[in-house]
Amino acid sequence: MKLEQRKQKVLPLPQFFIRLGRYGFFSLILITFSVGIGVFGYNYFGRLNWLDSFHMSCMILTGMGPVAEMTSESAILFSSFYALYSGIAFLSITAVFLAPIVHRLLHILQVDRDDKPN
């Protein structure tokens, strides 16, 4: 998806909302994928039931911390690697979601600056 360049006009609001929806949908897919990894991993390695696995996955992904203790070595390793992945995923998903908003804001500021006479 190509964003407007510096010399182009700011995207009209309805088209911006469509772009925001696309980025939001992609962010939702990334969140679903990331939570899914955690749910299946905690269910398999940590021997947690599905609801507890979902809870643990969501808490780790958002940076809140673990809610259940991992007892086996494989569960501890999975939990450690999932926590590392979650830190990167959370920041990346946030960046994907906010990218069109930040781009629009910066584009508006740049266009306003370019349109003013010297």
Protein backbone atom coordinates (compact mmCIF):
# COMPACT_ATOMS: atom_id res chain seq x y z
CA MET A 1 0.00 0.00 0.00
CA LYS A 2 1.52 3.27 -1.10
CA LEU A 3 1.29 6.33 1.10
CA GLU A 4 1.03 9.84 -0.29
CA GLN A 5 4.30 11.66 -0.81
CA ARG A 6 5.37 14.95 0.71
CA LYS A 7 4.26 17.08 -2.25
CA GLN A 8 0.86 15.38 -2.57
CA LYS A 9 -2.27 16.62 -0.84
CA VAL A 10 -3.46 15.07 2.40
CA LEU A 11 -5.67 12.03 1.86
CA PRO A 12 -9.40 12.83 2.24
CA LEU A 13 -10.90 11.71 5.55
CA PRO A 14 -13.09 8.84 4.18
CA GLN A 15 -10.09 7.31 2.41
CA PHE A 16 -7.99 7.80 5.54
CA PHE A 17 -10.55 5.84 7.58
CA ILE A 18 -10.37 3.03 5.02
CA ARG A 19 -6.57 3.02 5.36
CA LEU A 20 -6.89 3.08 9.14
CA GLY A 21 -9.28 0.13 8.96
CA ARG A 22 -6.83 -1.86 6.85
CA TYR A 23 -3.97 -1.24 9.24
CA GLY A 24 -6.26 -1.99 12.19
CA PHE A 25 -7.38 -5.25 10.58
CA PHE A 26 -3.76 -6.25 9.95
CA SER A 27 -2.97 -5.43 13.59
CA LEU A 28 -5.88 -7.61 14.70
CA ILE A 29 -4.54 -10.50 12.60
CA LEU A 30 -1.10 -10.09 14.22
CA ILE A 31 -2.66 -10.02 17.70
CA THR A 32 -4.74 -13.12 16.96
CA PHE A 33 -1.67 -14.95 15.63
CA SER A 34 0.42 -13.95 18.64
CA VAL A 35 -2.23 -14.90 21.18
CA GLY A 36 -2.75 -18.19 19.31
CA ILE A 37 0.92 -19.08 19.64
CA GLY A 38 0.72 -18.46 23.37
CA VAL A 39 -2.54 -20.33 23.87
CA PHE A 40 -1.33 -23.46 22.11
CA GLY A 41 2.11 -23.26 23.71
CA TYR A 42 0.85 -22.82 27.25
CA ASN A 43 -1.73 -25.55 26.72
CA TYR A 44 0.84 -27.99 25.34
CA PHE A 45 4.00 -27.15 27.32
CA GLY A 46 2.49 -25.69 30.49
CA ARG A 47 -0.39 -28.17 30.70
CA LEU A 48 -2.83 -25.30 31.36
CA ASN A 49 -6.47 -25.57 30.31
CA TRP A 50 -7.58 -23.50 27.31
CA LEU A 51 -9.01 -20.61 29.32
CA ASP A 52 -5.95 -20.32 31.56
CA SER A 53 -3.72 -20.58 28.48
CA PHE A 54 -5.61 -17.72 26.84
CA HIS A 55 -5.39 -15.65 30.04
CA MET A 56 -1.66 -16.30 30.41
CA SER A 57 -1.03 -15.54 26.74
CA CYS A 58 -2.89 -12.23 26.89
CA MET A 59 -1.14 -11.17 30.08
CA ILE A 60 2.32 -11.94 28.71
CA LEU A 61 1.59 -10.34 25.32
CA THR A 62 0.50 -7.06 26.90
CA GLY A 63 3.42 -7.00 29.32
CA MET A 64 1.42 -7.59 32.50
CA GLY A 65 3.37 -10.65 33.53
CA PRO A 66 2.69 -14.32 34.17
CA VAL A 67 -0.30 -15.53 36.15
CA ALA A 68 0.59 -19.21 36.41
CA GLU A 69 3.82 -20.87 37.41
CA MET A 70 5.55 -23.03 34.85
CA THR A 71 6.91 -26.21 36.42
CA SER A 72 8.60 -28.23 33.67
CA GLU A 73 11.75 -27.22 31.82
CA SER A 74 9.97 -27.18 28.47
CA ALA A 75 7.24 -24.93 29.88
CA ILE A 76 9.81 -22.54 31.34
CA LEU A 77 11.69 -22.41 28.02
CA PHE A 78 8.50 -21.81 26.06
CA SER A 79 7.39 -19.13 28.51
CA SER A 80 10.79 -17.40 28.26
CA PHE A 81 10.87 -17.38 24.47
CA TYR A 82 7.21 -16.36 24.25
CA ALA A 83 7.91 -13.45 26.59
CA LEU A 84 10.80 -12.31 24.36
CA TYR A 85 8.62 -12.65 21.28
CA SER A 86 5.75 -10.83 22.99
CA GLY A 87 7.87 -7.80 23.81
CA ILE A 88 8.82 -7.36 20.17
CA ALA A 89 5.35 -8.26 18.88
CA PHE A 90 3.58 -5.78 21.15
CA LEU A 91 5.78 -2.90 20.04
CA SER A 92 5.54 -3.91 16.38
CA ILE A 93 1.75 -4.29 16.44
CA THR A 94 1.42 -0.90 18.13
CA ALA A 95 3.64 0.65 15.45
CA VAL A 96 1.57 -0.93 12.66
CA PHE A 97 -1.66 0.35 14.19
CA LEU A 98 -0.36 3.89 14.78
CA ALA A 99 1.56 4.25 11.49
CA PRO A 100 -1.27 5.80 9.43
CA ILE A 101 -2.17 8.22 12.23
CA VAL A 102 1.41 9.39 12.70
CA HIS A 103 1.92 9.58 8.92
CA ARG A 104 -1.19 11.71 8.49
CA LEU A 105 -0.20 14.04 11.32
CA LEU A 106 3.30 14.52 9.96
CA HIS A 107 1.96 14.91 6.42
CA ILE A 108 -0.51 17.60 7.53
CA LEU A 109 2.27 19.49 9.32
CA GLN A 110 4.55 19.25 6.28
CA VAL A 111 1.86 20.33 3.80
CA ASP A 112 0.87 23.27 6.00
CA ARG A 113 4.50 24.35 6.22
CA ASP A 114 5.02 24.06 2.44
CA ASP A 115 1.87 26.02 1.59
CA LYS A 116 2.84 29.12 3.60
CA PRO A 117 4.48 31.95 1.64
CA ASN A 118 8.04 32.95 2.62
